Amino acid sequence: MNLDNQKFSIIVERETAAPLLSIIVPVYNVEQYLQECVESLLAQTFSRTEIILVDDGSTDSGSQICDNLAKRDSRVIVVHQNNKGVSAARNAGLEIAKGKYISFVDGDDFVTAEFTKAMQRVASEDAELFIFGYSLVSESNEEIRRANWKSQMLTAEEAIHNVFDYENSCGLKPAVWNKIFLRKTIGKLRFDENLAISEDLKFFIEYLTKIKRVMLAEECYYCWRQRKSSVTHSGGRVSDIAKTVETDLELYDLLSNFCPAENTTFLRWMVQDNIGWYRVGKQNAKSDADRACLKKMKKLAMAHPLRVLTCKSINWKERVIYAFGKY
């Protein structure tokens, strides 16, 4: 099967019954954790599942592990592609997914034995997005802390508020991995393949603008592994960090139309996000090209100083720092 005029090797062995849930797992150099990740998915008692492993050009043994898992269990589908990043890997999975519902799991994470209950809840609730709690675990699987909330039904606008006003709400994380989406609602929506940072934020918020009802579950079904080598902890390339400002500005315009009442909430979050990423980029900058990216990033962030200076909900120091580029 050719997804974008490149050669893909796909191992497809499906169950007779059509899958209800498609779990998409991007795989890139996570050989140490991949087996545990997929085993946790295969151990679920909910059988109407397809597990789509997208090998994004792994240079370790991850590719072979994927193939071995597919040979062992007919629920596993493997896509091999040249390395193009996590967004392209998830998109490749979306192109062939057959389930009514879509979930994303990172190849170095895993789910709990109770993950099946999430699907049972989804099937019984009238919601277009299901969000469950998660545990942060160490590289050796020791639980660091839990992030969860009271089970409740929210509107999409309320969910957006809970994402960006994390100090006065339940603090939903704008990742895609502790959620179950409707494939029909996703439609043609895809991850931005030009982004290596905030690609999940953009996809998640764009999805929220397409729906009305969000179900929160207090149970923690997902285990998010904290690895020092991950982009979350290392910061990433400066050129990728610089794009976070463009993403935030795009989302500001999108949310201004979808839920203008949350403009102030998002603007406050955006200021903190831009300042935080700029400082990470400054620490990671090692060349003139990196410093040029940061200069462009700051210029773009300062394009609308009055919008920030007149927002009284933002700490006055942050307003000055942001509006005048004193990062």
C-alpha atoms as a PDB file:
ATOM      1  CA  MET A   1       0.000   0.000   0.000  1.00  0.00           C
ATOM      2  CA  ASN A   2       1.479   3.358  -0.992  1.00  0.00           C
ATOM      3  CA  LEU A   3       0.439   6.232   1.256  1.00  0.00           C
ATOM      4  CA  ASP A   4       2.398   9.086  -0.341  1.00  0.00           C
ATOM      5  CA  ASN A   5       4.303   7.767  -3.333  1.00  0.00           C
ATOM      6  CA  GLN A   6       6.954   6.200  -1.131  1.00  0.00           C
ATOM      7  CA  LYS A   7       7.549   2.504  -0.724  1.00  0.00           C
ATOM      8  CA  PHE A   8       5.947   1.082   2.384  1.00  0.00           C
ATOM      9  CA  SER A   9       6.133  -2.483   3.575  1.00  0.00           C
ATOM     10  CA  ILE A  10       2.918  -3.333   5.383  1.00  0.00           C
ATOM     11  CA  ILE A  11       2.159  -6.477   7.267  1.00  0.00           C
ATOM     12  CA  VAL A  12      -1.615  -6.771   7.523  1.00  0.00           C
ATOM     13  CA  GLU A  13      -3.266  -9.641   9.349  1.00  0.00           C
ATOM     14  CA  ARG A  14      -6.735  -8.616  10.526  1.00  0.00           C
ATOM     15  CA  GLU A  15      -9.334 -10.318  12.618  1.00  0.00           C
ATOM     16  CA  THR A  16     -12.522 -11.261  10.797  1.00  0.00           C
ATOM     17  CA  ALA A  17     -14.602  -8.803  12.831  1.00  0.00           C
ATOM     18  CA  ALA A  18     -14.046  -5.147  11.952  1.00  0.00           C
ATOM     19  CA  PRO A  19     -12.077  -3.359  14.684  1.00  0.00           C
ATOM     20  CA  LEU A  20     -13.907  -0.917  16.903  1.00  0.00           C
ATOM     21  CA  LEU A  21     -10.739   0.769  18.169  1.00  0.00           C
ATOM     22  CA  SER A  22      -7.595   1.625  16.186  1.00  0.00           C
ATOM     23  CA  ILE A  23      -4.533   2.281  18.357  1.00  0.00           C
ATOM     24  CA  ILE A  24      -1.773   4.113  16.469  1.00  0.00           C
ATOM     25  CA  VAL A  25       1.767   3.724  17.827  1.00  0.00           C
ATOM     26  CA  PRO A  26       4.590   5.768  16.239  1.00  0.00           C
ATOM     27  CA  VAL A  27       7.855   3.849  16.581  1.00  0.00           C
ATOM     28  CA  TYR A  28      11.328   5.389  16.358  1.00  0.00           C
ATOM     29  CA  ASN A  29      14.352   3.977  18.192  1.00  0.00           C
ATOM     30  CA  VAL A  30      12.463   2.778  21.259  1.00  0.00           C
ATOM     31  CA  GLU A  31      13.601  -0.858  21.159  1.00  0.00           C
ATOM     32  CA  GLN A  32      14.071  -0.886  24.929  1.00  0.00           C
ATOM     33  CA  TYR A  33      10.405  -0.127  25.590  1.00  0.00           C
ATOM     34  CA  LEU A  34       8.468  -1.212  22.492  1.00  0.00           C
ATOM     35  CA  GLN A  35       7.792  -4.803  23.509  1.00  0.00           C
ATOM     36  CA  GLU A  36       6.322  -3.711  26.845  1.00  0.00           C
ATOM     37  CA  CYS A  37       4.227  -1.041  25.123  1.00  0.00           C
ATOM     38  CA  VAL A  38       2.613  -3.437  22.645  1.00  0.00           C
ATOM     39  CA  GLU A  39       2.279  -6.254  25.183  1.00  0.00           C
ATOM     40  CA  SER A  40       0.228  -3.921  27.383  1.00  0.00           C
ATOM     41  CA  LEU A  41      -2.123  -3.330  24.440  1.00  0.00           C
ATOM     42  CA  LEU A  42      -2.371  -6.987  23.460  1.00  0.00           C
ATOM     43  CA  ALA A  43      -3.152  -7.970  27.053  1.00  0.00           C
ATOM     44  CA  GLN A  44      -6.474  -6.112  26.968  1.00  0.00           C
ATOM     45  CA  THR A  45      -9.593  -8.293  27.037  1.00  0.00           C
ATOM     46  CA  PHE A  46     -11.254  -6.015  24.491  1.00  0.00           C
ATOM     47  CA  SER A  47     -10.520  -7.936  21.295  1.00  0.00           C
ATOM     48  CA  ARG A  48     -12.021  -5.706  18.593  1.00  0.00           C
ATOM     49  CA  THR A  49      -8.830  -3.701  18.368  1.00  0.00           C
ATOM     50  CA  GLU A  50      -6.217  -3.096  15.708  1.00  0.00           C
ATOM     51  CA  ILE A  51      -2.780  -1.940  16.798  1.00  0.00           C
ATOM     52  CA  ILE A  52      -1.049   0.017  14.048  1.00  0.00           C
ATOM     53  CA  LEU A  53       2.716   0.203  14.568  1.00  0.00           C
ATOM     54  CA  VAL A  54       4.269   2.844  12.320  1.00  0.00           C
ATOM     55  CA  ASP A  55       8.007   2.257  12.130  1.00  0.00           C
ATOM     56  CA  ASP A  56       9.342   5.701  11.261  1.00  0.00           C
ATOM     57  CA  GLY A  57      12.705   4.560   9.906  1.00  0.00           C
ATOM     58  CA  SER A  58      14.058   3.150  13.173  1.00  0.00           C
ATOM     59  CA  THR A  59      17.794   2.493  13.158  1.00  0.00           C
ATOM     60  CA  ASP A  60      17.678   0.085  16.106  1.00  0.00           C
ATOM     61  CA  SER A  61      15.929  -3.288  16.335  1.00  0.00           C
ATOM     62  CA  GLY A  62      12.495  -1.666  16.585  1.00  0.00           C
ATOM     63  CA  SER A  63      11.635  -2.547  12.998  1.00  0.00           C
ATOM     64  CA  GLN A  64      12.221  -6.256  13.583  1.00  0.00           C
ATOM     65  CA  ILE A  65      10.335  -6.153  16.876  1.00  0.00           C
ATOM     66  CA  CYS A  66       7.331  -4.698  15.041  1.00  0.00           C
ATOM     67  CA  ASP A  67       7.395  -7.461  12.421  1.00  0.00           C
ATOM     68  CA  ASN A  68       7.723 -10.185  15.050  1.00  0.00           C
ATOM     69  CA  LEU A  69       4.739  -8.823  16.962  1.00  0.00           C
ATOM     70  CA  ALA A  70       2.640  -8.728  13.785  1.00  0.00           C
ATOM     71  CA  LYS A  71       3.485 -12.355  12.996  1.00  0.00           C
ATOM     72  CA  ARG A  72       2.475 -13.378  16.498  1.00  0.00           C
ATOM     73  CA  ASP A  73      -0.869 -11.550  16.744  1.00  0.00           C
ATOM     74  CA  SER A  74      -3.346 -10.755  13.963  1.00  0.00           C
ATOM     75  CA  ARG A  75      -4.430  -7.535  15.682  1.00  0.00           C
ATOM     76  CA  VAL A  76      -1.051  -5.965  14.917  1.00  0.00           C
ATOM     77  CA  ILE A  77      -0.491  -4.082  11.655  1.00  0.00           C
ATOM     78  CA  VAL A  78       2.937  -2.742  10.757  1.00  0.00           C
ATOM     79  CA  VAL A  79       3.803   0.160   8.478  1.00  0.00           C
ATOM     80  CA  HIS A  80       7.463   0.773   7.592  1.00  0.00           C
ATOM     81  CA  GLN A  81       8.354   4.216   6.261  1.00  0.00           C
ATOM     82  CA  ASN A  82      11.382   6.443   5.879  1.00  0.00           C
ATOM     83  CA  ASN A  83      12.036   8.695   8.854  1.00  0.00           C
ATOM     84  CA  LYS A  84       9.746  11.720   8.616  1.00  0.00           C
ATOM     85  CA  GLY A  85       8.863  12.454  12.217  1.00  0.00           C
ATOM     86  CA  VAL A  86       6.104  11.626  14.685  1.00  0.00           C
ATOM     87  CA  SER A  87       3.447  13.670  12.864  1.00  0.00           C
ATOM     88  CA  ALA A  88       3.976  11.796   9.600  1.00  0.00           C
ATOM     89  CA  ALA A  89       3.974   8.490  11.501  1.00  0.00           C
ATOM     90  CA  ARG A  90       0.646   9.231  13.157  1.00  0.00           C
ATOM     91  CA  ASN A  91      -0.774  10.431   9.849  1.00  0.00           C
ATOM     92  CA  ALA A  92       0.302   7.194   8.180  1.00  0.00           C
ATOM     93  CA  GLY A  93      -1.627   5.320  10.853  1.00  0.00           C
ATOM     94  CA  LEU A  94      -4.706   7.469  10.360  1.00  0.00           C
ATOM     95  CA  GLU A  95      -4.680   6.741   6.630  1.00  0.00           C
ATOM     96  CA  ILE A  96      -5.230   3.009   7.149  1.00  0.00           C
ATOM     97  CA  ALA A  97      -7.146   2.961  10.456  1.00  0.00           C
ATOM     98  CA  LYS A  98     -10.490   1.155  10.279  1.00  0.00           C
ATOM     99  CA  GLY A  99     -11.832   1.548  13.819  1.00  0.00           C
ATOM    100  CA  LYS A 100     -14.764   3.705  14.798  1.00  0.00           C
ATOM    101  CA  TYR A 101     -12.519   5.114  17.514  1.00  0.00           C
ATOM    102  CA  ILE A 102      -8.877   6.237  17.397  1.00  0.00           C
ATOM    103  CA  SER A 103      -6.330   6.275  20.206  1.00  0.00           C
ATOM    104  CA  PHE A 104      -2.637   7.165  20.169  1.00  0.00           C
ATOM    105  CA  VAL A 105       0.055   5.521  22.290  1.00  0.00           C
ATOM    106  CA  ASP A 106       3.732   6.483  22.163  1.00  0.00           C
ATOM    107  CA  GLY A 107       6.137   3.590  21.627  1.00  0.00           C
ATOM    108  CA  ASP A 108       7.985   4.156  24.901  1.00  0.00           C
ATOM    109  CA  ASP A 109       4.816   4.332  27.020  1.00  0.00           C
ATOM    110  CA  PHE A 110       2.273   1.702  28.035  1.00  0.00           C
ATOM    111  CA  VAL A 111      -1.308   1.321  29.285  1.00  0.00           C
ATOM    112  CA  THR A 112      -2.654  -0.296  32.429  1.00  0.00           C
ATOM    113  CA  ALA A 113      -4.546  -3.580  32.584  1.00  0.00           C
ATOM    114  CA  GLU A 114      -7.756  -1.569  33.074  1.00  0.00           C
ATOM    115  CA  PHE A 115      -7.467   0.229  29.714  1.00  0.00           C
ATOM    116  CA  THR A 116     -10.287  -2.016  28.444  1.00  0.00           C
ATOM    117  CA  LYS A 117     -12.642  -0.186  30.793  1.00  0.00           C
ATOM    118  CA  ALA A 118     -11.982   3.005  28.842  1.00  0.00           C
ATOM    119  CA  MET A 119     -13.537   1.432  25.755  1.00  0.00           C
ATOM    120  CA  GLN A 120     -16.488   0.189  27.796  1.00  0.00           C
ATOM    121  CA  ARG A 121     -17.060   3.742  29.015  1.00  0.00           C
ATOM    122  CA  VAL A 122     -16.693   5.200  25.533  1.00  0.00           C
ATOM    123  CA  ALA A 123     -19.295   2.839  24.105  1.00  0.00           C
ATOM    124  CA  SER A 124     -21.808   3.882  26.774  1.00  0.00           C
ATOM    125  CA  GLU A 125     -21.256   7.664  26.730  1.00  0.00           C
ATOM    126  CA  ASP A 126     -22.610  10.213  24.274  1.00  0.00           C
ATOM    127  CA  ALA A 127     -19.328  12.073  23.783  1.00  0.00           C
ATOM    128  CA  GLU A 128     -17.059  12.846  20.851  1.00  0.00           C
ATOM    129  CA  LEU A 129     -13.859  12.768  22.888  1.00  0.00           C
ATOM    130  CA  PHE A 130     -12.932  10.648  25.894  1.00  0.00           C
ATOM    131  CA  ILE A 131     -10.067  11.774  28.168  1.00  0.00           C
ATOM    132  CA  PHE A 132      -8.691   9.663  30.998  1.00  0.00           C
ATOM    133  CA  GLY A 133      -6.061  10.245  33.651  1.00  0.00           C
ATOM    134  CA  TYR A 134      -2.420   9.231  33.382  1.00  0.00           C
ATOM    135  CA  SER A 135       0.551   8.350  35.546  1.00  0.00           C
ATOM    136  CA  LEU A 136       4.049   9.718  35.116  1.00  0.00           C
ATOM    137  CA  VAL A 137       6.513   6.860  35.495  1.00  0.00           C
ATOM    138  CA  SER A 138      10.290   6.686  35.585  1.00  0.00           C
ATOM    139  CA  GLU A 139      12.412   4.803  33.062  1.00  0.00           C
ATOM    140  CA  SER A 140      12.293   1.883  35.478  1.00  0.00           C
ATOM    141  CA  ASN A 141       8.454   2.016  35.691  1.00  0.00           C
ATOM    142  CA  GLU A 142       8.257   3.571  39.155  1.00  0.00           C
ATOM    143  CA  GLU A 143       5.230   5.848  39.489  1.00  0.00           C
ATOM    144  CA  ILE A 144       6.248   9.468  40.037  1.00  0.00           C
ATOM    145  CA  ARG A 145       2.799  11.003  40.327  1.00  0.00           C
ATOM    146  CA  ARG A 146      -0.706  10.836  38.901  1.00  0.00           C
ATOM    147  CA  ALA A 147      -2.630  13.417  36.911  1.00  0.00           C
ATOM    148  CA  ASN A 148      -6.370  12.953  36.997  1.00  0.00           C
ATOM    149  CA  TRP A 149      -9.638  14.797  37.598  1.00  0.00           C
ATOM    150  CA  LYS A 150     -13.239  14.288  38.588  1.00  0.00           C
ATOM    151  CA  SER A 151     -15.296  12.280  36.082  1.00  0.00           C
ATOM    152  CA  GLN A 152     -17.603  14.702  34.300  1.00  0.00           C
ATOM    153  CA  MET A 153     -18.997  15.776  30.949  1.00  0.00           C
ATOM    154  CA  LEU A 154     -17.674  19.056  29.510  1.00  0.00           C
ATOM    155  CA  THR A 155     -18.488  21.177  26.520  1.00  0.00           C
ATOM    156  CA  ALA A 156     -15.650  21.703  24.040  1.00  0.00           C
ATOM    157  CA  GLU A 157     -15.335  25.287  25.279  1.00  0.00           C
ATOM    158  CA  GLU A 158     -15.010  24.109  28.882  1.00  0.00           C
ATOM    159  CA  ALA A 159     -12.370  21.587  27.830  1.00  0.00           C
ATOM    160  CA  ILE A 160     -10.386  24.341  26.110  1.00  0.00           C
ATOM    161  CA  HIS A 161     -10.566  26.422  29.280  1.00  0.00           C
ATOM    162  CA  ASN A 162      -9.266  23.455  31.293  1.00  0.00           C
ATOM    163  CA  VAL A 163      -6.311  23.078  28.914  1.00  0.00           C
ATOM    164  CA  PHE A 164      -5.077  26.646  29.124  1.00  0.00           C
ATOM    165  CA  ASP A 165      -6.149  27.777  32.601  1.00  0.00           C
ATOM    166  CA  TYR A 166      -4.200  25.027  34.325  1.00  0.00           C
ATOM    167  CA  GLU A 167      -3.824  26.986  37.576  1.00  0.00           C
ATOM    168  CA  ASN A 168      -7.565  27.278  38.228  1.00  0.00           C
ATOM    169  CA  SER A 169      -8.916  24.118  36.604  1.00  0.00           C
ATOM    170  CA  CYS A 170      -8.261  20.394  36.356  1.00  0.00           C
ATOM    171  CA  GLY A 171      -5.363  21.076  33.973  1.00  0.00           C
ATOM    172  CA  LEU A 172      -5.935  18.883  30.945  1.00  0.00           C
ATOM    173  CA  LYS A 173      -2.729  18.083  29.075  1.00  0.00           C
ATOM    174  CA  PRO A 174      -2.973  18.906  25.349  1.00  0.00           C
ATOM    175  CA  ALA A 175      -1.317  15.653  24.304  1.00  0.00           C
ATOM    176  CA  VAL A 176      -3.111  13.054  22.171  1.00  0.00           C
ATOM    177  CA  TRP A 177      -2.059   9.919  24.040  1.00  0.00           C
ATOM    178  CA  ASN A 178      -4.557   9.780  26.934  1.00  0.00           C
ATOM    179  CA  LYS A 179      -7.576  10.238  24.733  1.00  0.00           C
ATOM    180  CA  ILE A 180      -9.971   8.362  22.476  1.00  0.00           C
ATOM    181  CA  PHE A 181     -11.179  10.193  19.372  1.00  0.00           C
ATOM    182  CA  LEU A 182     -13.947   9.495  16.878  1.00  0.00           C
ATOM    183  CA  ARG A 183     -12.440   8.627  13.481  1.00  0.00           C
ATOM    184  CA  LYS A 184     -15.464  10.070  11.670  1.00  0.00           C
ATOM    185  CA  THR A 185     -14.981  13.399  13.440  1.00  0.00           C
ATOM    186  CA  ILE A 186     -11.250  13.432  12.727  1.00  0.00           C
ATOM    187  CA  GLY A 187     -12.142  13.158   9.049  1.00  0.00           C
ATOM    188  CA  LYS A 188      -9.403  14.830   7.021  1.00  0.00           C
ATOM    189  CA  LEU A 189      -7.759  16.465  10.034  1.00  0.00           C
ATOM    190  CA  ARG A 190      -4.085  15.498  10.231  1.00  0.00           C
ATOM    191  CA  PHE A 191      -0.997  16.313  12.268  1.00  0.00           C
ATOM    192  CA  ASP A 192       1.136  19.163  10.920  1.00  0.00           C
ATOM    193  CA  GLU A 193       4.223  17.430   9.526  1.00  0.00           C
ATOM    194  CA  ASN A 194       6.182  20.683   9.614  1.00  0.00           C
ATOM    195  CA  LEU A 195       6.113  20.634  13.411  1.00  0.00           C
ATOM    196  CA  ALA A 196       8.283  18.593  15.757  1.00  0.00           C
ATOM    197  CA  ILE A 197       7.011  20.444  18.854  1.00  0.00           C
ATOM    198  CA  SER A 198       3.368  21.278  19.676  1.00  0.00           C
ATOM    199  CA  GLU A 199       2.079  19.106  16.825  1.00  0.00           C
ATOM    200  CA  ASP A 200      -0.181  17.285  19.280  1.00  0.00           C
ATOM    201  CA  LEU A 201      -1.402  20.573  20.798  1.00  0.00           C
ATOM    202  CA  LYS A 202      -2.443  21.843  17.371  1.00  0.00           C
ATOM    203  CA  PHE A 203      -4.189  18.596  16.407  1.00  0.00           C
ATOM    204  CA  PHE A 204      -5.986  18.381  19.762  1.00  0.00           C
ATOM    205  CA  ILE A 205      -7.279  21.963  19.715  1.00  0.00           C
ATOM    206  CA  GLU A 206      -8.352  21.717  16.081  1.00  0.00           C
ATOM    207  CA  TYR A 207     -10.277  18.550  16.964  1.00  0.00           C
ATOM    208  CA  LEU A 208     -11.966  20.280  19.910  1.00  0.00           C
ATOM    209  CA  THR A 209     -13.289  22.985  17.570  1.00  0.00           C
ATOM    210  CA  LYS A 210     -15.106  20.239  15.623  1.00  0.00           C
ATOM    211  CA  ILE A 211     -17.049  18.771  18.564  1.00  0.00           C
ATOM    212  CA  LYS A 212     -19.450  19.632  21.391  1.00  0.00           C
ATOM    213  CA  ARG A 213     -19.111  17.056  24.182  1.00  0.00           C
ATOM    214  CA  VAL A 214     -16.030  15.801  26.051  1.00  0.00           C
ATOM    215  CA  MET A 215     -16.103  13.040  28.670  1.00  0.00           C
ATOM    216  CA  LEU A 216     -13.489  13.094  31.443  1.00  0.00           C
ATOM    217  CA  ALA A 217     -12.717   9.941  33.422  1.00  0.00           C
ATOM    218  CA  GLU A 218     -10.825  10.117  36.712  1.00  0.00           C
ATOM    219  CA  GLU A 219      -9.207   6.702  36.244  1.00  0.00           C
ATOM    220  CA  CYS A 220      -5.557   6.589  35.144  1.00  0.00           C
ATOM    221  CA  TYR A 221      -5.221   4.185  32.210  1.00  0.00           C
ATOM    222  CA  TYR A 222      -2.072   5.602  30.580  1.00  0.00           C
ATOM    223  CA  CYS A 223       1.547   5.507  31.775  1.00  0.00           C
ATOM    224  CA  TRP A 224       3.723   8.321  30.416  1.00  0.00           C
ATOM    225  CA  ARG A 225       7.391   7.410  30.703  1.00  0.00           C
ATOM    226  CA  GLN A 226       9.779  10.224  31.611  1.00  0.00           C
ATOM    227  CA  ARG A 227      12.942   9.827  29.520  1.00  0.00           C
ATOM    228  CA  LYS A 228      15.805  12.319  29.631  1.00  0.00           C
ATOM    229  CA  SER A 229      16.444  11.854  25.913  1.00  0.00           C
ATOM    230  CA  SER A 230      12.890  12.783  24.866  1.00  0.00           C
ATOM    231  CA  VAL A 231      12.092  16.128  23.217  1.00  0.00           C
ATOM    232  CA  THR A 232       9.959  17.032  26.253  1.00  0.00           C
ATOM    233  CA  HIS A 233      13.037  16.968  28.464  1.00  0.00           C
ATOM    234  CA  SER A 234      15.851  17.872  26.072  1.00  0.00           C
ATOM    235  CA  GLY A 235      14.025  20.801  24.453  1.00  0.00           C
ATOM    236  CA  GLY A 236      14.692  19.876  20.819  1.00  0.00           C
ATOM    237  CA  ARG A 237      16.285  21.791  17.965  1.00  0.00           C
ATOM    238  CA  VAL A 238      16.156  25.582  18.068  1.00  0.00           C
ATOM    239  CA  SER A 239      14.597  25.724  14.588  1.00  0.00           C
ATOM    240  CA  ASP A 240      11.733  23.549  15.874  1.00  0.00           C
ATOM    241  CA  ILE A 241      11.374  25.572  19.069  1.00  0.00           C
ATOM    242  CA  ALA A 242      11.050  28.781  17.039  1.00  0.00           C
ATOM    243  CA  LYS A 243       7.957  27.388  15.287  1.00  0.00           C
ATOM    244  CA  THR A 244       6.033  27.205  18.572  1.00  0.00           C
ATOM    245  CA  VAL A 245       5.256  30.933  18.303  1.00  0.00           C
ATOM    246  CA  GLU A 246       3.706  30.482  14.851  1.00  0.00           C
ATOM    247  CA  THR A 247       1.621  27.581  16.151  1.00  0.00           C
ATOM    248  CA  ASP A 248       0.402  29.573  19.150  1.00  0.00           C
ATOM    249  CA  LEU A 249      -0.575  32.541  16.961  1.00  0.00           C
ATOM    250  CA  GLU A 250      -2.503  30.257  14.599  1.00  0.00           C
ATOM    251  CA  LEU A 251      -4.370  28.770  17.544  1.00  0.00           C
ATOM    252  CA  TYR A 252      -5.095  32.238  18.942  1.00  0.00           C
ATOM    253  CA  ASP A 253      -6.846  33.176  15.698  1.00  0.00           C
ATOM    254  CA  LEU A 254      -8.700  29.850  15.608  1.00  0.00           C
ATOM    255  CA  LEU A 255      -9.930  30.118  19.191  1.00  0.00           C
ATOM    256  CA  SER A 256     -10.849  33.786  18.793  1.00  0.00           C
ATOM    257  CA  ASN A 257     -13.534  32.640  16.375  1.00  0.00           C
ATOM    258  CA  PHE A 258     -14.527  29.408  18.133  1.00  0.00           C
ATOM    259  CA  CYS A 259     -14.719  30.598  21.749  1.00  0.00           C
ATOM    260  CA  PRO A 260     -13.876  34.325  22.063  1.00  0.00           C
ATOM    261  CA  ALA A 261     -14.689  34.186  25.782  1.00  0.00           C
ATOM    262  CA  GLU A 262     -11.443  32.250  26.254  1.00  0.00           C
ATOM    263  CA  ASN A 263      -9.236  34.790  24.452  1.00  0.00           C
ATOM    264  CA  THR A 264      -7.774  36.135  27.678  1.00  0.00           C
ATOM    265  CA  THR A 265      -7.184  32.650  29.075  1.00  0.00           C
ATOM    266  CA  PHE A 266      -5.339  31.515  25.973  1.00  0.00           C
ATOM    267  CA  LEU A 267      -3.365  34.760  25.639  1.00  0.00           C
ATOM    268  CA  ARG A 268      -2.101  34.384  29.189  1.00  0.00           C
ATOM    269  CA  TRP A 269      -1.043  30.800  28.483  1.00  0.00           C
ATOM    270  CA  MET A 270       0.547  31.804  25.159  1.00  0.00           C
ATOM    271  CA  VAL A 271       2.743  34.444  26.784  1.00  0.00           C
ATOM    272  CA  GLN A 272       4.057  31.920  29.314  1.00  0.00           C
ATOM    273  CA  ASP A 273       4.516  29.294  26.601  1.00  0.00           C
ATOM    274  CA  ASN A 274       6.452  31.615  24.286  1.00  0.00           C
ATOM    275  CA  ILE A 275       8.712  32.916  27.051  1.00  0.00           C
ATOM    276  CA  GLY A 276       9.371  29.404  28.301  1.00  0.00           C
ATOM    277  CA  TRP A 277      10.235  27.998  24.873  1.00  0.00           C
ATOM    278  CA  TYR A 278      12.414  30.998  24.033  1.00  0.00           C
ATOM    279  CA  ARG A 279      14.479  30.418  27.158  1.00  0.00           C
ATOM    280  CA  VAL A 280      14.864  26.732  26.298  1.00  0.00           C
ATOM    281  CA  GLY A 281      15.954  27.727  22.785  1.00  0.00           C
ATOM    282  CA  LYS A 282      18.451  30.186  24.212  1.00  0.00           C
ATOM    283  CA  GLN A 283      20.012  27.418  26.305  1.00  0.00           C
ATOM    284  CA  ASN A 284      20.176  25.088  23.294  1.00  0.00           C
ATOM    285  CA  ALA A 285      21.488  27.655  20.787  1.00  0.00           C
ATOM    286  CA  LYS A 286      24.952  26.711  19.526  1.00  0.00           C
ATOM    287  CA  SER A 287      25.301  28.431  16.154  1.00  0.00           C
ATOM    288  CA  ASP A 288      24.581  31.671  14.330  1.00  0.00           C
ATOM    289  CA  ALA A 289      21.699  29.899  12.586  1.00  0.00           C
ATOM    290  CA  ASP A 290      20.198  29.013  15.963  1.00  0.00           C
ATOM    291  CA  ARG A 291      20.505  32.586  17.179  1.00  0.00           C
ATOM    292  CA  ALA A 292      18.905  33.834  13.953  1.00  0.00           C
ATOM    293  CA  CYS A 293      15.945  31.521  14.596  1.00  0.00           C
ATOM    294  CA  LEU A 294      15.567  32.939  18.096  1.00  0.00           C
ATOM    295  CA  LYS A 295      15.678  36.501  16.784  1.00  0.00           C
ATOM    296  CA  LYS A 296      12.907  35.679  14.305  1.00  0.00           C
ATOM    297  CA  MET A 297      10.948  33.958  17.068  1.00  0.00           C
ATOM    298  CA  LYS A 298      11.139  37.012  19.310  1.00  0.00           C
ATOM    299  CA  LYS A 299      10.159  39.374  16.498  1.00  0.00           C
ATOM    300  CA  LEU A 300       7.088  37.305  15.681  1.00  0.00           C
ATOM    301  CA  ALA A 301       6.092  37.090  19.349  1.00  0.00           C
ATOM    302  CA  MET A 302       6.321  40.892  19.669  1.00  0.00           C
ATOM    303  CA  ALA A 303       4.115  41.529  16.628  1.00  0.00           C
ATOM    304  CA  HIS A 304       1.076  42.454  18.764  1.00  0.00           C
ATOM    305  CA  PRO A 305       2.409  44.234  21.880  1.00  0.00           C
ATOM    306  CA  LEU A 306      -0.816  46.101  22.713  1.00  0.00           C
ATOM    307  CA  ARG A 307      -2.792  42.876  22.815  1.00  0.00           C
ATOM    308  CA  VAL A 308      -0.525  41.670  25.586  1.00  0.00           C
ATOM    309  CA  LEU A 309       0.043  44.965  27.422  1.00  0.00           C
ATOM    310  CA  THR A 310      -3.701  45.578  27.802  1.00  0.00           C
ATOM    311  CA  CYS A 311      -4.454  42.066  29.104  1.00  0.00           C
ATOM    312  CA  LYS A 312      -4.764  42.660  32.846  1.00  0.00           C
ATOM    313  CA  SER A 313      -5.052  38.970  33.706  1.00  0.00           C
ATOM    314  CA  ILE A 314      -1.402  38.548  32.727  1.00  0.00           C
ATOM    315  CA  ASN A 315       1.169  39.346  35.397  1.00  0.00           C
ATOM    316  CA  TRP A 316       2.523  42.837  34.676  1.00  0.00           C
ATOM    317  CA  LYS A 317       6.126  41.609  34.669  1.00  0.00           C
ATOM    318  CA  GLU A 318       5.278  38.982  32.063  1.00  0.00           C
ATOM    319  CA  ARG A 319       3.479  41.623  29.981  1.00  0.00           C
ATOM    320  CA  VAL A 320       6.582  43.839  29.937  1.00  0.00           C
ATOM    321  CA  ILE A 321       8.953  40.925  29.318  1.00  0.00           C
ATOM    322  CA  TYR A 322       6.841  39.647  26.420  1.00  0.00           C
ATOM    323  CA  ALA A 323       5.818  42.914  24.775  1.00  0.00           C
ATOM    324  CA  PHE A 324       9.341  44.360  24.784  1.00  0.00           C
ATOM    325  CA  GLY A 325      11.225  41.103  24.184  1.00  0.00           C
ATOM    326  CA  LYS A 326      13.151  41.151  27.478  1.00  0.00           C
ATOM    327  CA  TYR A 327      13.372  37.373  27.645  1.00  0.00           C
END
